[in-house]
Each structure stands twice: as C-alpha cells, then as structure tokens.
Amino acid sequence: MPSPHRSPRLKSASWRPDPVAAKVPEITALFWVVKVLTTGMGEAAADWLGGISIVLAGLLGIGGFVLGMRLQLRSTRYRAWTYWFAVAMVALFGTMVADGLHIVLALPYTVTTVVYAVALAVVFHRWHRSEGTLSIHSITTKRRETYYWVTVLLTFALGTAAGDLTATTMHLGFFASGLLFGAGILLVLLAWRLGLGAIAAFWTAYVLTRPLGASFADWFGKPHSFGAGLGYGDGVVTGVLTLLIIGLVAYLAASRHDVQAGESGDVATVHDLPVGRTVPEGDAV
C-alpha cells in the first residue's frame, strides 16, 4: 500500500509530476451552497475591508491568498477545511484584483469582463491541450492542481466584473442581477439534463455562481441609494456568511460526504490519466 504522504511515481511516465490524491471535493448540492456563500463573503469582505483601510485590505487579501494556496498545495489529499479556506481566500483576493483594474486603472467593467473572459479561455485551452481533460476528477498531479487554481482565481475575477457590469453599468441593480445569474444557472442545469457535457456544464455554472453570490451579498449589504440595497452593511454580511461557511464546512469535514469516490482513509486510489486522453464519455466532472 502506498504511503499516505507520498505516492510513488508511475513507472511508465516517470517524467510527470508525482500523482497525488484527488484534491477537490465531490460535486454535491452542498458544494454549490458553500461555493455561493464564499463568493458572497469574498465580495462583502473586500468592500468592508477596503472601507476600513485599503492597505489593510491589500495585506489581508494577498496574505490570505498566499497562505491559502500554500496550505492547499502542500496538502497530500483533500481536506475540507484546507480546501474551503483556500477558496474563501481566492474569493477575497479575486474580488480585489477585479476591482483593482476598474478603480486603479479606470477600466470600465465591459473591458475588464472581456479581459478576464479571454484570460479564462486561454487557461482552459492550455490546460486541455496539456492534460487532455478539464475534469476536476483528474486533479491528481501538481500541474493539474496549478491549472485548477489559476482557473478558479480567474472565474472569481470574471464573475466579479460581470456582476458589477450588470448591476451598475447596465443599471439592473443587485437583486435583479442576482436573479439574472440564478436564471443562467438554471438554464445550464436544463442544458445538462438535455445533453450538455458535464465538464462544460460544471465550469459554466462555476463561473455564474460568482456574480450570483456577489450580487445578493451586495443587495443585503449596500444602502438603497447604491444599487437598491437593503443596507445591512458589508461587515454584517461578511460575519453572517463566514459563520454559515464555517458551520457547513465543519459538517463536511465531520461527515466526509464530499470526499471523492476512490479515497479510503488517508490513501487515494485515483490515478493519473495519460496526457492527451480525455475522460471517457459519461464520466462525471
């Protein structure tokens, strides 16, 4: 049985990175709930911290992102606390990056949305060309994990820009924007039921969850004079969402319901797919 700390190299492809355990959770209903909560928390926290101090927000955003990535990349298998802390820090940092291009460089949201969409498309292309699949069930090497987290960061930045585009530039307001992106996710679900590939459906919905969560977080936190918000305050929204995330992640960590099939205890039996091979038709994302 291989060591839980380090998997052996594949003899047939010793030049590849060492295979590691699946480092992402199984896609369940709770996955999407926690994902939406982290998007809202990242949006509210970035605005709240920025209102206190831009320097403080920058330090916490960059420091949290570096710490989250360090913990996640050094882990040898999926751990709920480590993974979702990394996602939360990416949510915070991704919001700041997206807002930074708009505020510091004065780029309109139409431009930043296109920029991040193109960047995401390039990463998807390079990832698929390099690895032969975009399936999250194939995140079993360091290289694939790096592609995964770069993609996640860009989805948060793209979602932030797209949400601000609809809410402010297009004057829909936060609530209407949230409904718009929620409808988009329902359309993706319907398309998946009608035959859209699981991988394409997953990543499309993943991008849309960002503006969905952020729009409703802004609706609760911002004043009525700004996007027709309810005015509870970004700090309150940040605190409530953080507590909800902690509670749900604690449940996931205790129950292990989100551990991908193939893992038993500390040892994963998920193996690396050869470069150039795609996941067989019908395989989950």
Protein backbone atom coordinates (compact mmCIF):
# COMPACT_ATOMS: atom_id res chain seq x y z
CA MET A 1 0.00 0.00 0.00
CA PRO A 2 1.47 3.41 -0.92
CA SER A 3 2.44 5.87 1.74
CA PRO A 4 -0.30 8.37 2.65
CA HIS A 5 2.31 11.12 2.47
CA ARG A 6 3.83 10.48 -0.94
CA SER A 7 2.59 8.40 -3.84
CA PRO A 8 5.13 6.54 -5.99
CA ARG A 9 5.94 7.73 -9.49
CA LEU A 10 4.26 5.98 -12.37
CA LYS A 11 6.90 3.77 -13.96
CA SER A 12 5.53 4.35 -17.45
CA ALA A 13 5.72 8.12 -17.17
CA SER A 14 8.37 8.98 -14.66
CA TRP A 15 8.82 12.44 -16.15
CA ARG A 16 5.43 13.57 -14.93
CA PRO A 17 4.80 15.09 -11.51
CA ASP A 18 4.14 12.57 -8.75
CA PRO A 19 0.45 11.56 -8.66
CA VAL A 20 -1.33 12.93 -5.63
CA ALA A 21 -4.70 12.22 -4.06
CA ALA A 22 -7.75 13.92 -5.51
CA LYS A 23 -7.50 17.42 -4.07
CA VAL A 24 -11.01 18.73 -4.78
CA PRO A 25 -14.38 17.69 -3.29
CA GLU A 26 -17.13 15.62 -4.82
CA ILE A 27 -19.73 17.82 -6.53
CA THR A 28 -22.81 17.68 -4.33
CA ALA A 29 -25.60 20.13 -3.53
CA LEU A 30 -23.62 21.33 -0.50
CA PHE A 31 -20.64 22.05 -2.74
CA TRP A 32 -22.70 24.60 -4.64
CA VAL A 33 -24.18 26.08 -1.47
CA VAL A 34 -20.77 26.63 0.12
CA LYS A 35 -19.36 27.91 -3.18
CA VAL A 36 -22.08 30.57 -3.46
CA LEU A 37 -21.58 31.56 0.19
CA THR A 38 -17.84 32.02 -0.34
CA THR A 39 -18.46 34.23 -3.37
CA GLY A 40 -20.77 36.45 -1.35
CA MET A 41 -18.38 36.52 1.59
CA GLY A 42 -15.45 37.48 -0.66
CA GLU A 43 -17.42 40.34 -2.20
CA ALA A 44 -18.68 41.71 1.12
CA ALA A 45 -15.35 41.26 2.94
CA ALA A 46 -13.36 43.01 0.18
CA ASP A 47 -15.68 46.03 0.27
CA TRP A 48 -15.80 46.07 4.08
CA LEU A 49 -12.03 45.88 4.50
CA GLY A 50 -11.50 48.41 1.73
CA GLY A 51 -13.79 50.83 3.55
CA ILE A 52 -11.66 50.48 6.69
CA SER A 53 -8.25 50.68 5.03
CA ILE A 54 -7.03 49.98 1.51
CA VAL A 55 -3.65 48.95 2.91
CA LEU A 56 -5.25 46.56 5.42
CA ALA A 57 -7.46 45.10 2.71
CA GLY A 58 -4.46 44.58 0.43
CA LEU A 59 -2.37 42.93 3.15
CA LEU A 60 -5.15 40.59 4.22
CA GLY A 61 -6.15 39.82 0.64
CA ILE A 62 -2.64 38.99 -0.57
CA GLY A 63 -1.57 37.36 2.69
CA GLY A 64 -4.70 35.22 2.89
CA PHE A 65 -4.35 34.16 -0.73
CA VAL A 66 -0.70 33.15 -0.30
CA LEU A 67 -1.45 31.27 2.94
CA GLY A 68 -4.48 29.51 1.45
CA MET A 69 -2.56 28.38 -1.63
CA ARG A 70 0.42 27.27 0.44
CA LEU A 71 -1.71 25.11 2.74
CA GLN A 72 -3.72 23.63 -0.13
CA LEU A 73 -0.77 22.88 -2.41
CA ARG A 74 1.25 21.32 0.41
CA SER A 75 -1.61 19.02 1.39
CA THR A 76 -1.41 15.46 0.08
CA ARG A 77 -5.16 14.89 -0.18
CA TYR A 78 -8.49 16.67 0.02
CA ARG A 79 -9.25 18.22 3.40
CA ALA A 80 -12.46 20.21 3.70
CA TRP A 81 -11.06 22.91 5.97
CA THR A 82 -7.94 23.45 3.85
CA TYR A 83 -9.78 23.43 0.53
CA TRP A 84 -12.57 25.81 1.51
CA PHE A 85 -10.18 28.18 3.29
CA ALA A 86 -8.27 28.38 0.01
CA VAL A 87 -11.50 29.04 -1.92
CA ALA A 88 -12.53 31.76 0.53
CA MET A 89 -9.15 33.48 0.20
CA VAL A 90 -9.32 33.24 -3.59
CA ALA A 91 -12.78 34.81 -3.38
CA LEU A 92 -11.39 37.73 -1.36
CA PHE A 93 -8.28 38.18 -3.49
CA GLY A 94 -10.13 37.70 -6.77
CA THR A 95 -12.60 40.44 -5.84
CA MET A 96 -9.75 42.82 -5.07
CA VAL A 97 -8.00 42.03 -8.35
CA ALA A 98 -11.15 42.63 -10.37
CA ASP A 99 -11.98 45.85 -8.52
CA GLY A 100 -8.36 47.00 -8.79
CA LEU A 101 -8.39 47.05 -12.60
CA HIS A 102 -11.58 49.10 -12.53
CA ILE A 103 -10.64 51.53 -9.76
CA VAL A 104 -6.87 51.92 -10.19
CA LEU A 105 -6.68 51.73 -14.00
CA ALA A 106 -10.15 53.23 -14.56
CA LEU A 107 -11.07 50.42 -16.94
CA PRO A 108 -14.83 50.07 -17.48
CA TYR A 109 -16.50 46.82 -16.43
CA THR A 110 -17.18 45.99 -20.06
CA VAL A 111 -13.44 45.90 -20.69
CA THR A 112 -12.47 44.03 -17.51
CA THR A 113 -15.19 41.43 -18.13
CA VAL A 114 -13.85 40.77 -21.61
CA VAL A 115 -10.24 40.71 -20.38
CA TYR A 116 -10.96 38.08 -17.73
CA ALA A 117 -13.14 36.05 -20.11
CA VAL A 118 -10.32 35.91 -22.66
CA ALA A 119 -7.76 35.05 -19.95
CA LEU A 120 -10.01 32.23 -18.70
CA ALA A 121 -10.46 30.88 -22.22
CA VAL A 122 -6.68 30.86 -22.73
CA VAL A 123 -6.12 28.94 -19.50
CA PHE A 124 -8.82 26.41 -20.40
CA HIS A 125 -7.18 25.91 -23.80
CA ARG A 126 -3.70 25.43 -22.37
CA TRP A 127 -5.00 23.15 -19.61
CA HIS A 128 -6.86 20.90 -22.04
CA ARG A 129 -4.02 20.89 -24.55
CA SER A 130 -1.56 19.92 -21.82
CA GLU A 131 -3.65 17.39 -19.90
CA GLY A 132 -6.35 16.20 -22.30
CA THR A 133 -9.20 16.90 -19.87
CA LEU A 134 -10.71 19.65 -17.72
CA SER A 135 -12.41 17.19 -15.38
CA ILE A 136 -11.98 18.01 -11.71
CA HIS A 137 -11.84 14.26 -11.06
CA SER A 138 -8.47 14.36 -12.81
CA ILE A 139 -6.86 16.82 -10.37
CA THR A 140 -4.28 14.25 -9.28
CA THR A 141 -0.96 15.92 -10.16
CA LYS A 142 0.65 19.16 -9.07
CA ARG A 143 0.48 20.54 -12.61
CA ARG A 144 -3.23 19.91 -12.92
CA GLU A 145 -3.82 21.37 -9.50
CA THR A 146 -1.98 24.53 -10.55
CA TYR A 147 -4.17 24.83 -13.65
CA TYR A 148 -7.22 24.29 -11.45
CA TRP A 149 -6.43 27.11 -9.01
CA VAL A 150 -5.45 29.57 -11.74
CA THR A 151 -8.82 28.79 -13.34
CA VAL A 152 -10.66 29.26 -10.05
CA LEU A 153 -8.98 32.64 -9.49
CA LEU A 154 -9.95 33.83 -12.96
CA THR A 155 -13.56 32.65 -12.52
CA PHE A 156 -13.82 34.76 -9.38
CA ALA A 157 -12.34 37.81 -11.11
CA LEU A 158 -14.56 37.32 -14.17
CA GLY A 159 -17.65 36.82 -12.06
CA THR A 160 -16.93 39.95 -10.04
CA ALA A 161 -16.52 42.06 -13.16
CA ALA A 162 -19.63 40.56 -14.81
CA GLY A 163 -21.73 41.13 -11.69
CA ASP A 164 -20.66 44.76 -11.43
CA LEU A 165 -21.29 45.17 -15.17
CA THR A 166 -24.94 44.11 -14.91
CA ALA A 167 -25.64 45.79 -11.57
CA THR A 168 -24.04 49.19 -12.19
CA THR A 169 -23.13 49.71 -15.84
CA MET A 170 -26.37 48.14 -17.10
CA HIS A 171 -28.30 49.62 -14.13
CA LEU A 172 -30.09 46.40 -13.23
CA GLY A 173 -29.35 46.72 -9.54
CA PHE A 174 -28.06 43.95 -7.27
CA PHE A 175 -31.27 41.98 -6.78
CA ALA A 176 -32.15 41.85 -10.47
CA SER A 177 -28.56 40.89 -11.28
CA GLY A 178 -28.75 38.04 -8.79
CA LEU A 179 -31.96 36.80 -10.39
CA LEU A 180 -30.37 37.06 -13.84
CA PHE A 181 -27.38 34.91 -12.92
CA GLY A 182 -29.59 32.50 -10.98
CA ALA A 183 -31.67 32.03 -14.12
CA GLY A 184 -28.45 31.45 -16.04
CA ILE A 185 -27.51 28.60 -13.70
CA LEU A 186 -30.96 27.04 -14.11
CA LEU A 187 -30.52 27.17 -17.88
CA VAL A 188 -27.17 25.41 -17.54
CA LEU A 189 -28.84 22.74 -15.40
CA LEU A 190 -31.55 22.30 -18.02
CA ALA A 191 -28.96 22.12 -20.81
CA TRP A 192 -27.04 19.48 -18.85
CA ARG A 193 -30.24 17.44 -18.46
CA LEU A 194 -30.75 17.72 -22.22
CA GLY A 195 -27.26 16.51 -23.07
CA LEU A 196 -24.69 19.26 -22.42
CA GLY A 197 -21.40 17.70 -21.36
CA ALA A 198 -20.84 17.51 -17.61
CA ILE A 199 -17.49 19.30 -17.75
CA ALA A 200 -18.82 22.22 -19.81
CA ALA A 201 -21.89 22.48 -17.56
CA PHE A 202 -19.78 22.42 -14.40
CA TRP A 203 -17.42 25.22 -15.41
CA THR A 204 -20.20 27.39 -16.83
CA ALA A 205 -22.17 27.10 -13.59
CA TYR A 206 -18.97 27.64 -11.59
CA VAL A 207 -18.39 30.98 -13.30
CA LEU A 208 -22.02 32.05 -12.81
CA THR A 209 -22.03 31.30 -9.08
CA ARG A 210 -19.60 34.16 -8.53
CA PRO A 211 -21.84 37.02 -9.72
CA LEU A 212 -24.85 35.20 -8.22
CA GLY A 213 -23.41 35.19 -4.69
CA ALA A 214 -21.79 38.60 -5.01
CA SER A 215 -24.97 40.25 -6.29
CA PHE A 216 -27.06 39.03 -3.37
CA ALA A 217 -24.30 39.89 -0.88
CA ASP A 218 -24.24 43.44 -2.25
CA TRP A 219 -28.03 43.57 -2.18
CA PHE A 220 -28.05 42.75 1.51
CA GLY A 221 -25.06 44.94 2.42
CA LYS A 222 -25.21 48.09 0.29
CA PRO A 223 -27.50 51.04 1.01
CA HIS A 224 -30.65 51.60 -1.02
CA SER A 225 -29.05 54.60 -2.73
CA PHE A 226 -26.41 52.30 -4.22
CA GLY A 227 -27.89 49.53 -6.35
CA ALA A 228 -31.13 49.46 -4.35
CA GLY A 229 -29.54 47.52 -1.49
CA LEU A 230 -31.11 46.68 1.86
CA GLY A 231 -28.41 48.47 3.84
CA TYR A 232 -27.44 45.87 6.46
CA GLY A 233 -23.77 46.70 5.97
CA ASP A 234 -20.88 44.80 4.41
CA GLY A 235 -19.43 43.94 7.83
CA VAL A 236 -22.64 42.26 8.98
CA VAL A 237 -22.98 40.34 5.71
CA THR A 238 -19.34 39.23 5.96
CA GLY A 239 -19.84 37.97 9.51
CA VAL A 240 -23.09 36.11 8.80
CA LEU A 241 -21.75 34.42 5.66
CA THR A 242 -18.50 33.47 7.41
CA LEU A 243 -20.42 31.76 10.21
CA LEU A 244 -22.58 29.88 7.70
CA ILE A 245 -19.49 28.73 5.81
CA ILE A 246 -17.78 27.56 9.00
CA GLY A 247 -20.85 25.59 10.03
CA LEU A 248 -21.25 23.85 6.68
CA VAL A 249 -17.54 23.10 6.29
CA ALA A 250 -17.49 21.66 9.81
CA TYR A 251 -20.29 19.32 8.77
CA LEU A 252 -18.47 18.32 5.59
CA ALA A 253 -15.23 17.70 7.47
CA ALA A 254 -17.01 15.52 10.04
CA SER A 255 -19.25 13.59 7.64
CA ARG A 256 -16.77 13.32 4.71
CA HIS A 257 -19.75 13.19 2.36
CA ASP A 258 -17.83 15.33 -0.13
CA VAL A 259 -14.76 13.08 -0.41
CA GLN A 260 -14.43 11.80 -3.97
CA ALA A 261 -15.02 8.11 -4.62
CA GLY A 262 -11.72 6.27 -4.65
CA GLU A 263 -10.36 7.65 -1.41
CA SER A 264 -10.27 5.49 1.68
CA GLY A 265 -8.89 6.94 4.86
CA ASP A 266 -5.71 8.82 4.02
CA VAL A 267 -4.91 6.94 0.80
CA ALA A 268 -6.37 7.77 -2.58
CA THR A 269 -6.65 5.22 -5.34
CA VAL A 270 -7.44 7.75 -8.05
CA HIS A 271 -4.70 7.52 -10.68
CA ASP A 272 -3.37 9.99 -13.18
CA LEU A 273 -4.79 9.88 -16.70
CA PRO A 274 -2.24 9.79 -19.53
CA VAL A 275 -1.59 13.16 -21.13
CA GLY A 276 -3.72 13.53 -24.23
CA ARG A 277 -6.50 11.21 -23.04
CA THR A 278 -9.89 12.64 -22.30
CA VAL A 279 -12.21 11.40 -19.61
CA PRO A 280 -14.46 8.68 -21.07
CA GLU A 281 -17.88 9.84 -22.21
CA GLY A 282 -20.33 9.84 -19.35
CA ASP A 283 -17.69 10.35 -16.68
CA ALA A 284 -18.54 12.97 -14.09
CA VAL A 285 -16.80 16.29 -13.96
